[in-house]
Amino acid sequence: MPAFMTLKFKTAKAQWMSRIPIELVFWITAMLLLAAAQPVYPHQGNHFSLCPLAAAGLEWCPGCGLGRSITLFLQGEWRDGFKQHWMGAPAIVIIIGRIYVLAKAEWKKLIVKGGENV
């Protein structure tokens, strides 16, 4: 196979990958995973965590509390969500707003590309 065909394939692959809305996929996936998650409290024993504060043995972390809060809010447990972190509800609104803005921009790209192809 000639070298220029390999380069053309790599370029086409890079163009395909660049069309994936990575941030949009990330936020939608994060919200779905948080909605499906079971909140694990620090006193419930060992659990996997990427949190450096949890690894240091601290029981409270603002980031972990925010994640548990979002999970509880998405599961309809409002009181427990506020107990974990009061910014959980605003975080959900902000993330859903960001998903809307990104999805709207992607939709406009598809509409414009669809009109050009006709």
Protein backbone atom coordinates (compact mmCIF):
# COMPACT_ATOMS: atom_id res chain seq x y z
CA MET A 1 0.00 0.00 0.00
CA PRO A 2 1.47 3.39 -0.97
CA ALA A 3 2.42 5.75 1.85
CA PHE A 4 0.01 8.48 0.72
CA MET A 5 -2.97 6.13 1.19
CA THR A 6 -1.95 5.45 4.77
CA LEU A 7 -1.67 9.19 5.41
CA LYS A 8 -5.10 9.72 3.85
CA PHE A 9 -6.58 7.04 6.11
CA LYS A 10 -4.99 8.60 9.19
CA THR A 11 -6.32 12.02 8.22
CA ALA A 12 -9.83 10.65 7.71
CA LYS A 13 -9.62 8.89 11.08
CA ALA A 14 -8.47 12.11 12.78
CA GLN A 15 -11.33 14.05 11.17
CA TRP A 16 -13.84 11.45 12.35
CA MET A 17 -12.46 11.58 15.89
CA SER A 18 -12.51 15.38 15.92
CA ARG A 19 -16.26 15.34 15.16
CA ILE A 20 -17.09 13.55 18.43
CA PRO A 21 -18.35 16.10 20.96
CA ILE A 22 -16.14 14.87 23.80
CA GLU A 23 -17.34 17.35 26.43
CA LEU A 24 -20.99 16.60 25.66
CA VAL A 25 -20.39 12.84 25.88
CA PHE A 26 -18.47 13.34 29.14
CA TRP A 27 -21.21 15.35 30.89
CA ILE A 28 -24.05 13.07 29.76
CA THR A 29 -22.08 10.00 30.86
CA ALA A 30 -21.22 11.61 34.20
CA MET A 31 -24.84 12.48 34.93
CA LEU A 32 -26.04 8.98 33.98
CA LEU A 33 -23.38 7.33 36.15
CA LEU A 34 -24.16 9.61 39.10
CA ALA A 35 -27.89 8.91 38.72
CA ALA A 36 -27.24 5.15 38.72
CA ALA A 37 -24.66 5.20 41.52
CA GLN A 38 -25.24 4.08 45.05
CA PRO A 39 -23.90 6.77 47.38
CA VAL A 40 -21.17 5.37 49.62
CA TYR A 41 -20.64 7.19 52.88
CA PRO A 42 -17.19 7.32 54.50
CA HIS A 43 -18.32 5.36 57.59
CA GLN A 44 -19.60 2.44 55.46
CA GLY A 45 -16.18 0.93 55.07
CA ASN A 46 -13.59 0.81 52.33
CA HIS A 47 -14.58 1.70 48.79
CA PHE A 48 -12.65 2.67 45.69
CA SER A 49 -12.01 6.40 45.42
CA LEU A 50 -9.70 8.62 43.42
CA CYS A 51 -9.98 11.30 46.11
CA PRO A 52 -6.62 12.22 47.66
CA LEU A 53 -8.33 13.35 50.88
CA ALA A 54 -10.10 10.00 51.26
CA ALA A 55 -6.78 8.26 50.60
CA ALA A 56 -5.28 10.35 53.41
CA GLY A 57 -7.96 9.04 55.78
CA LEU A 58 -10.07 12.17 56.06
CA GLU A 59 -13.79 11.47 56.35
CA TRP A 60 -15.08 14.67 54.77
CA CYS A 61 -14.14 16.06 51.37
CA PRO A 62 -16.05 18.82 49.57
CA GLY A 63 -15.71 17.04 46.23
CA CYS A 64 -16.88 13.67 47.52
CA GLY A 65 -19.77 15.33 49.32
CA LEU A 66 -20.74 17.08 46.11
CA GLY A 67 -20.74 13.82 44.15
CA ARG A 68 -22.84 12.07 46.81
CA SER A 69 -25.15 15.08 46.92
CA ILE A 70 -25.71 15.02 43.15
CA THR A 71 -26.38 11.27 43.30
CA LEU A 72 -28.91 11.71 46.10
CA PHE A 73 -30.65 14.63 44.34
CA LEU A 74 -30.93 12.63 41.10
CA GLN A 75 -32.46 9.76 43.07
CA GLY A 76 -35.02 12.09 44.68
CA GLU A 77 -33.52 12.13 48.18
CA TRP A 78 -33.50 15.90 48.62
CA ARG A 79 -32.97 16.10 52.39
CA ASP A 80 -29.96 13.77 52.35
CA GLY A 81 -28.62 15.58 49.28
CA PHE A 82 -28.61 18.89 51.14
CA LYS A 83 -26.95 17.23 54.13
CA GLN A 84 -24.07 16.02 51.96
CA HIS A 85 -23.40 19.32 50.15
CA TRP A 86 -25.65 22.32 49.63
CA MET A 87 -24.19 22.97 46.14
CA GLY A 88 -25.48 19.67 44.73
CA ALA A 89 -28.72 21.12 43.34
CA PRO A 90 -27.04 24.17 41.72
CA ALA A 91 -24.37 21.86 40.27
CA ILE A 92 -27.07 19.75 38.61
CA VAL A 93 -28.68 22.87 37.12
CA ILE A 94 -25.30 24.12 35.85
CA ILE A 95 -24.36 20.75 34.33
CA ILE A 96 -27.76 20.31 32.66
CA GLY A 97 -27.44 23.86 31.32
CA ARG A 98 -24.02 23.02 29.90
CA ILE A 99 -25.37 19.83 28.31
CA TYR A 100 -28.16 21.89 26.71
CA VAL A 101 -25.72 24.48 25.30
CA LEU A 102 -23.39 21.79 23.90
CA ALA A 103 -26.25 19.73 22.45
CA LYS A 104 -27.76 22.83 20.83
CA ALA A 105 -24.40 23.69 19.23
CA GLU A 106 -23.99 20.13 17.94
CA TRP A 107 -27.54 20.15 16.58
CA LYS A 108 -26.83 23.39 14.71
CA LYS A 109 -23.69 21.83 13.21
CA LEU A 110 -25.72 18.88 11.96
CA ILE A 111 -28.42 21.12 10.49
CA VAL A 112 -25.88 23.31 8.69
CA LYS A 113 -23.97 20.28 7.34
CA GLY A 114 -27.25 18.70 6.28
CA GLY A 115 -28.22 21.83 4.34
CA GLU A 116 -24.85 22.04 2.59
CA ASN A 117 -25.00 18.44 1.39
CA VAL A 118 -28.32 18.93 -0.42
